[in-house]
Amino acid sequence: MDYINEGQMKKAKNQNEKDESINGFDRLPYEIATDTLSRFPITSLVQLSYSCRSLNSLSRDPDFVSLHMSKSSTNESECVILHSVYPLQDQLRFICLSDLKVRKINIPVAISMPKFEIIGSSNGLLCLGDSLFPGSFCLYNPFRRGHLEIPNNFVFRDKFVVYGFGFHPITNDYKAIMIANRDKTYYDETGHRSYSGWLVSDV
């Protein structure tokens, strides 16, 4: 009986400490919280975003994302993403330049691309193209593990097609672009949409 009471007391104490830490964060002024968290490396920030709803919500705020990107461009928390080609399924890995450790990025099962290529990347957001089924694309945030399939309304068979992906600083928008050579005429298709607080575009 005493053992159960002691266990319940420890559990209640741990829950209270957890609630206090979350409530403590919620009581911070917005400017202080965003400035402090914007200095964290992306890997730490993602782990923290799973600890409470407030942090998760903040990490999806477009203003906070912009602030974090501006701070991360001036510190040493940069990462390099590597595309590893394997016989059965391609993989992504990243290296943080601060500690030079190689880490594997787990690609969600929902992304059904065993063989893919990186069309482009910008601010940590990747545009992946299916190597087995040309014309199939998705945008993938490897740190938040969010993804968005890009609908492709144009399929050019046996034509020279080039794809690109980048960020347009004036419109504050991510762009995925497809250029196809068909009968000596060039077609392009661009668009845009919101992606979990990150602006992205459709092909």
C-alpha atoms as a PDB file:
ATOM      1  CA  MET A   1       0.000   0.000   0.000  1.00  0.00           C
ATOM      2  CA  ASP A   2       2.812   2.399   0.912  1.00  0.00           C
ATOM      3  CA  TYR A   3       4.607   1.402  -2.325  1.00  0.00           C
ATOM      4  CA  ILE A   4       1.585   2.368  -4.438  1.00  0.00           C
ATOM      5  CA  ASN A   5       1.187   5.674  -2.620  1.00  0.00           C
ATOM      6  CA  GLU A   6       4.868   6.475  -3.072  1.00  0.00           C
ATOM      7  CA  GLY A   7       4.654   5.654  -6.796  1.00  0.00           C
ATOM      8  CA  GLN A   8       1.552   7.784  -7.202  1.00  0.00           C
ATOM      9  CA  MET A   9       3.236  10.662  -5.383  1.00  0.00           C
ATOM     10  CA  LYS A  10       6.284  10.487  -7.668  1.00  0.00           C
ATOM     11  CA  LYS A  11       4.056  10.384 -10.728  1.00  0.00           C
ATOM     12  CA  ALA A  12       2.045  13.396  -9.516  1.00  0.00           C
ATOM     13  CA  LYS A  13       5.250  15.294  -8.703  1.00  0.00           C
ATOM     14  CA  ASN A  14       6.691  14.603 -12.167  1.00  0.00           C
ATOM     15  CA  GLN A  15       3.424  15.705 -13.804  1.00  0.00           C
ATOM     16  CA  ASN A  16       3.398  18.920 -11.754  1.00  0.00           C
ATOM     17  CA  GLU A  17       7.008  19.676 -12.706  1.00  0.00           C
ATOM     18  CA  LYS A  18       6.177  19.060 -16.364  1.00  0.00           C
ATOM     19  CA  ASP A  19       3.099  21.312 -16.179  1.00  0.00           C
ATOM     20  CA  GLU A  20       5.098  24.044 -14.433  1.00  0.00           C
ATOM     21  CA  SER A  21       7.804  23.988 -17.119  1.00  0.00           C
ATOM     22  CA  ILE A  22       5.229  24.244 -19.879  1.00  0.00           C
ATOM     23  CA  ASN A  23       3.314  26.969 -18.050  1.00  0.00           C
ATOM     24  CA  GLY A  24       6.611  28.751 -17.422  1.00  0.00           C
ATOM     25  CA  PHE A  25       7.262  28.888 -21.158  1.00  0.00           C
ATOM     26  CA  ASP A  26       3.735  30.120 -21.808  1.00  0.00           C
ATOM     27  CA  ARG A  27       4.273  33.004 -19.383  1.00  0.00           C
ATOM     28  CA  LEU A  28       7.320  34.337 -21.230  1.00  0.00           C
ATOM     29  CA  PRO A  29       6.745  37.411 -23.404  1.00  0.00           C
ATOM     30  CA  TYR A  30       6.418  36.425 -27.067  1.00  0.00           C
ATOM     31  CA  GLU A  31       9.483  38.458 -28.142  1.00  0.00           C
ATOM     32  CA  ILE A  32      11.739  36.834 -25.532  1.00  0.00           C
ATOM     33  CA  ALA A  33      10.493  33.314 -26.289  1.00  0.00           C
ATOM     34  CA  THR A  34      10.927  33.701 -30.052  1.00  0.00           C
ATOM     35  CA  ASP A  35      14.335  35.359 -29.763  1.00  0.00           C
ATOM     36  CA  THR A  36      15.615  32.637 -27.415  1.00  0.00           C
ATOM     37  CA  LEU A  37      14.237  29.706 -29.410  1.00  0.00           C
ATOM     38  CA  SER A  38      15.387  31.167 -32.731  1.00  0.00           C
ATOM     39  CA  ARG A  39      18.991  30.618 -31.589  1.00  0.00           C
ATOM     40  CA  PHE A  40      18.522  26.858 -31.114  1.00  0.00           C
ATOM     41  CA  PRO A  41      19.849  24.426 -33.737  1.00  0.00           C
ATOM     42  CA  ILE A  42      17.075  23.037 -35.924  1.00  0.00           C
ATOM     43  CA  THR A  43      17.467  19.513 -34.506  1.00  0.00           C
ATOM     44  CA  SER A  44      16.979  20.747 -30.916  1.00  0.00           C
ATOM     45  CA  LEU A  45      14.096  22.973 -31.954  1.00  0.00           C
ATOM     46  CA  VAL A  46      12.247  20.077 -33.572  1.00  0.00           C
ATOM     47  CA  GLN A  47      12.717  17.907 -30.467  1.00  0.00           C
ATOM     48  CA  LEU A  48      11.415  20.728 -28.267  1.00  0.00           C
ATOM     49  CA  SER A  49       8.401  21.258 -30.524  1.00  0.00           C
ATOM     50  CA  TYR A  50       7.181  17.776 -29.571  1.00  0.00           C
ATOM     51  CA  SER A  51       7.282  18.618 -25.850  1.00  0.00           C
ATOM     52  CA  CYS A  52       4.307  20.984 -25.726  1.00  0.00           C
ATOM     53  CA  ARG A  53       1.626  22.494 -27.920  1.00  0.00           C
ATOM     54  CA  SER A  54       2.861  26.056 -27.482  1.00  0.00           C
ATOM     55  CA  LEU A  55       6.305  25.208 -28.828  1.00  0.00           C
ATOM     56  CA  ASN A  56       4.813  23.164 -31.653  1.00  0.00           C
ATOM     57  CA  SER A  57       2.526  26.029 -32.602  1.00  0.00           C
ATOM     58  CA  LEU A  58       5.376  28.545 -32.421  1.00  0.00           C
ATOM     59  CA  SER A  59       7.633  26.410 -34.622  1.00  0.00           C
ATOM     60  CA  ARG A  60       4.968  26.561 -37.367  1.00  0.00           C
ATOM     61  CA  ASP A  61       4.571  30.341 -37.204  1.00  0.00           C
ATOM     62  CA  PRO A  62       5.867  31.853 -40.507  1.00  0.00           C
ATOM     63  CA  ASP A  63       7.345  34.858 -38.660  1.00  0.00           C
ATOM     64  CA  PHE A  64       9.250  32.563 -36.309  1.00  0.00           C
ATOM     65  CA  VAL A  65      10.460  30.412 -39.229  1.00  0.00           C
ATOM     66  CA  SER A  66      11.825  33.551 -40.935  1.00  0.00           C
ATOM     67  CA  LEU A  67      13.494  34.698 -37.711  1.00  0.00           C
ATOM     68  CA  HIS A  68      15.065  31.273 -37.159  1.00  0.00           C
ATOM     69  CA  MET A  69      16.386  31.173 -40.727  1.00  0.00           C
ATOM     70  CA  SER A  70      17.916  34.632 -40.395  1.00  0.00           C
ATOM     71  CA  LYS A  71      19.638  33.640 -37.135  1.00  0.00           C
ATOM     72  CA  SER A  72      20.770  30.227 -38.377  1.00  0.00           C
ATOM     73  CA  SER A  73      22.479  31.831 -41.379  1.00  0.00           C
ATOM     74  CA  THR A  74      24.775  33.672 -38.960  1.00  0.00           C
ATOM     75  CA  ASN A  75      25.637  30.822 -36.582  1.00  0.00           C
ATOM     76  CA  GLU A  76      27.314  27.441 -36.922  1.00  0.00           C
ATOM     77  CA  SER A  77      24.218  25.225 -36.797  1.00  0.00           C
ATOM     78  CA  GLU A  78      24.229  24.605 -40.539  1.00  0.00           C
ATOM     79  CA  CYS A  79      23.631  21.126 -41.939  1.00  0.00           C
ATOM     80  CA  VAL A  80      24.525  19.358 -45.152  1.00  0.00           C
ATOM     81  CA  ILE A  81      21.974  16.875 -46.528  1.00  0.00           C
ATOM     82  CA  LEU A  82      23.296  13.869 -48.437  1.00  0.00           C
ATOM     83  CA  HIS A  83      21.359  11.733 -50.914  1.00  0.00           C
ATOM     84  CA  SER A  84      22.561   8.115 -50.739  1.00  0.00           C
ATOM     85  CA  VAL A  85      21.690   5.844 -53.677  1.00  0.00           C
ATOM     86  CA  TYR A  86      21.033   2.212 -52.732  1.00  0.00           C
ATOM     87  CA  PRO A  87      19.831  -0.737 -54.873  1.00  0.00           C
ATOM     88  CA  LEU A  88      16.412  -1.068 -53.180  1.00  0.00           C
ATOM     89  CA  GLN A  89      15.680   2.276 -51.571  1.00  0.00           C
ATOM     90  CA  ASP A  90      17.442   5.621 -51.609  1.00  0.00           C
ATOM     91  CA  GLN A  91      18.191   7.315 -48.289  1.00  0.00           C
ATOM     92  CA  LEU A  92      18.793  10.779 -46.905  1.00  0.00           C
ATOM     93  CA  ARG A  93      21.407  11.615 -44.294  1.00  0.00           C
ATOM     94  CA  PHE A  94      22.527  14.894 -42.786  1.00  0.00           C
ATOM     95  CA  ILE A  95      25.676  16.196 -41.182  1.00  0.00           C
ATOM     96  CA  CYS A  96      25.602  19.060 -38.676  1.00  0.00           C
ATOM     97  CA  LEU A  97      28.714  21.125 -39.300  1.00  0.00           C
ATOM     98  CA  SER A  98      28.992  21.893 -35.588  1.00  0.00           C
ATOM     99  CA  ASP A  99      29.753  18.277 -34.583  1.00  0.00           C
ATOM    100  CA  LEU A 100      30.312  16.523 -37.973  1.00  0.00           C
ATOM    101  CA  LYS A 101      28.108  13.569 -36.979  1.00  0.00           C
ATOM    102  CA  VAL A 102      26.251  11.735 -39.747  1.00  0.00           C
ATOM    103  CA  ARG A 103      22.590  11.049 -38.980  1.00  0.00           C
ATOM    104  CA  LYS A 104      19.995   9.163 -41.000  1.00  0.00           C
ATOM    105  CA  ILE A 105      16.766  10.916 -41.974  1.00  0.00           C
ATOM    106  CA  ASN A 106      13.787   8.567 -41.810  1.00  0.00           C
ATOM    107  CA  ILE A 107      11.582   9.179 -44.822  1.00  0.00           C
ATOM    108  CA  PRO A 108       7.863   8.743 -44.025  1.00  0.00           C
ATOM    109  CA  VAL A 109       6.181   5.636 -45.412  1.00  0.00           C
ATOM    110  CA  ALA A 110       3.571   7.930 -46.977  1.00  0.00           C
ATOM    111  CA  ILE A 111       6.214   9.123 -49.444  1.00  0.00           C
ATOM    112  CA  SER A 112       6.086   6.217 -51.868  1.00  0.00           C
ATOM    113  CA  MET A 113       9.362   6.898 -53.664  1.00  0.00           C
ATOM    114  CA  PRO A 114      11.882   4.092 -53.210  1.00  0.00           C
ATOM    115  CA  LYS A 115      14.081   5.746 -55.857  1.00  0.00           C
ATOM    116  CA  PHE A 116      14.161   9.533 -55.955  1.00  0.00           C
ATOM    117  CA  GLU A 117      16.268  12.509 -56.851  1.00  0.00           C
ATOM    118  CA  ILE A 118      16.547  15.844 -55.113  1.00  0.00           C
ATOM    119  CA  ILE A 119      15.193  18.414 -57.565  1.00  0.00           C
ATOM    120  CA  GLY A 120      16.328  21.235 -55.314  1.00  0.00           C
ATOM    121  CA  SER A 121      16.457  22.504 -51.760  1.00  0.00           C
ATOM    122  CA  SER A 122      15.926  25.814 -50.048  1.00  0.00           C
ATOM    123  CA  ASN A 123      16.067  26.681 -46.352  1.00  0.00           C
ATOM    124  CA  GLY A 124      15.984  22.988 -45.406  1.00  0.00           C
ATOM    125  CA  LEU A 125      12.912  22.212 -47.519  1.00  0.00           C
ATOM    126  CA  LEU A 126      13.499  19.543 -50.209  1.00  0.00           C
ATOM    127  CA  CYS A 127      11.748  18.982 -53.511  1.00  0.00           C
ATOM    128  CA  LEU A 128      11.949  15.249 -54.331  1.00  0.00           C
ATOM    129  CA  GLY A 129      11.255  13.765 -57.749  1.00  0.00           C
ATOM    130  CA  ASP A 130      10.360  10.115 -58.322  1.00  0.00           C
ATOM    131  CA  SER A 131      13.091   8.454 -60.409  1.00  0.00           C
ATOM    132  CA  LEU A 132      10.849   5.522 -61.382  1.00  0.00           C
ATOM    133  CA  PHE A 133       7.786   7.596 -62.318  1.00  0.00           C
ATOM    134  CA  PRO A 134       8.904  10.928 -63.815  1.00  0.00           C
ATOM    135  CA  GLY A 135       6.460  13.715 -63.127  1.00  0.00           C
ATOM    136  CA  SER A 136       5.736  12.639 -59.518  1.00  0.00           C
ATOM    137  CA  PHE A 137       7.024  15.085 -56.909  1.00  0.00           C
ATOM    138  CA  CYS A 138       6.728  15.942 -53.263  1.00  0.00           C
ATOM    139  CA  LEU A 139       7.997  18.636 -50.947  1.00  0.00           C
ATOM    140  CA  TYR A 140       9.597  17.291 -47.800  1.00  0.00           C
ATOM    141  CA  ASN A 141      10.738  18.971 -44.611  1.00  0.00           C
ATOM    142  CA  PRO A 142      13.231  16.412 -43.225  1.00  0.00           C
ATOM    143  CA  PHE A 143      13.410  17.996 -39.785  1.00  0.00           C
ATOM    144  CA  ARG A 144       9.661  18.286 -39.162  1.00  0.00           C
ATOM    145  CA  ARG A 145       9.021  15.149 -41.265  1.00  0.00           C
ATOM    146  CA  GLY A 146       6.149  16.868 -43.022  1.00  0.00           C
ATOM    147  CA  HIS A 147       5.525  16.352 -46.713  1.00  0.00           C
ATOM    148  CA  LEU A 148       3.217  17.541 -49.457  1.00  0.00           C
ATOM    149  CA  GLU A 149       2.665  15.850 -52.801  1.00  0.00           C
ATOM    150  CA  ILE A 150       2.777  18.226 -55.743  1.00  0.00           C
ATOM    151  CA  PRO A 151       0.108  17.621 -58.362  1.00  0.00           C
ATOM    152  CA  ASN A 152       1.506  17.647 -61.886  1.00  0.00           C
ATOM    153  CA  ASN A 153      -1.011  18.508 -64.590  1.00  0.00           C
ATOM    154  CA  PHE A 154       1.505  18.262 -67.403  1.00  0.00           C
ATOM    155  CA  VAL A 155       3.176  15.026 -68.528  1.00  0.00           C
ATOM    156  CA  PHE A 156       5.495  15.245 -71.502  1.00  0.00           C
ATOM    157  CA  ARG A 157       6.493  11.847 -72.868  1.00  0.00           C
ATOM    158  CA  ASP A 158       9.858  11.553 -74.601  1.00  0.00           C
ATOM    159  CA  LYS A 159      10.496  15.272 -74.272  1.00  0.00           C
ATOM    160  CA  PHE A 160      13.358  17.123 -72.655  1.00  0.00           C
ATOM    161  CA  VAL A 161      12.098  18.308 -69.256  1.00  0.00           C
ATOM    162  CA  VAL A 162      14.009  20.245 -66.605  1.00  0.00           C
ATOM    163  CA  TYR A 163      12.797  20.826 -63.036  1.00  0.00           C
ATOM    164  CA  GLY A 164      13.892  23.376 -60.485  1.00  0.00           C
ATOM    165  CA  PHE A 165      13.085  24.463 -56.955  1.00  0.00           C
ATOM    166  CA  GLY A 166      13.967  27.584 -55.003  1.00  0.00           C
ATOM    167  CA  PHE A 167      12.887  30.547 -52.917  1.00  0.00           C
ATOM    168  CA  HIS A 168      11.724  33.918 -54.250  1.00  0.00           C
ATOM    169  CA  PRO A 169      12.696  36.539 -51.613  1.00  0.00           C
ATOM    170  CA  ILE A 170      10.491  39.323 -53.001  1.00  0.00           C
ATOM    171  CA  THR A 171       7.249  37.313 -52.899  1.00  0.00           C
ATOM    172  CA  ASN A 172       8.450  35.273 -49.875  1.00  0.00           C
ATOM    173  CA  ASP A 173       7.386  32.141 -51.720  1.00  0.00           C
ATOM    174  CA  TYR A 174       8.902  28.773 -52.612  1.00  0.00           C
ATOM    175  CA  LYS A 175       8.710  27.890 -56.301  1.00  0.00           C
ATOM    176  CA  ALA A 176       8.780  24.550 -58.087  1.00  0.00           C
ATOM    177  CA  ILE A 177       9.271  25.028 -61.822  1.00  0.00           C
ATOM    178  CA  MET A 178       9.000  22.649 -64.772  1.00  0.00           C
ATOM    179  CA  ILE A 179      10.321  23.599 -68.219  1.00  0.00           C
ATOM    180  CA  ALA A 180       9.668  21.257 -71.147  1.00  0.00           C
ATOM    181  CA  ASN A 181      10.897  21.391 -74.732  1.00  0.00           C
ATOM    182  CA  ARG A 182       8.078  20.271 -76.998  1.00  0.00           C
ATOM    183  CA  ASP A 183       8.121  21.025 -80.722  1.00  0.00           C
ATOM    184  CA  LYS A 184      10.725  23.741 -80.140  1.00  0.00           C
ATOM    185  CA  THR A 185       8.353  25.584 -77.788  1.00  0.00           C
ATOM    186  CA  TYR A 186       9.046  26.018 -74.085  1.00  0.00           C
ATOM    187  CA  TYR A 187       6.265  25.686 -71.516  1.00  0.00           C
ATOM    188  CA  ASP A 188       6.538  26.529 -67.881  1.00  0.00           C
ATOM    189  CA  GLU A 189       4.173  26.049 -64.977  1.00  0.00           C
ATOM    190  CA  THR A 190       4.433  27.595 -61.528  1.00  0.00           C
ATOM    191  CA  GLY A 191       2.154  28.115 -58.558  1.00  0.00           C
ATOM    192  CA  HIS A 192       2.121  28.423 -54.792  1.00  0.00           C
ATOM    193  CA  ARG A 193       0.516  27.049 -51.654  1.00  0.00           C
ATOM    194  CA  SER A 194       1.011  27.111 -47.885  1.00  0.00           C
ATOM    195  CA  TYR A 195       2.872  24.201 -46.248  1.00  0.00           C
ATOM    196  CA  SER A 196       2.772  24.000 -42.442  1.00  0.00           C
ATOM    197  CA  GLY A 197       3.878  27.588 -42.021  1.00  0.00           C
ATOM    198  CA  TRP A 198       6.296  27.358 -44.949  1.00  0.00           C
ATOM    199  CA  LEU A 199       5.174  28.739 -48.292  1.00  0.00           C
ATOM    200  CA  VAL A 200       5.735  26.335 -51.157  1.00  0.00           C
ATOM    201  CA  SER A 201       4.645  26.059 -54.755  1.00  0.00           C
ATOM    202  CA  ASP A 202       3.111  23.516 -57.087  1.00  0.00           C
ATOM    203  CA  VAL A 203       4.277  22.349 -60.470  1.00  0.00           C
END
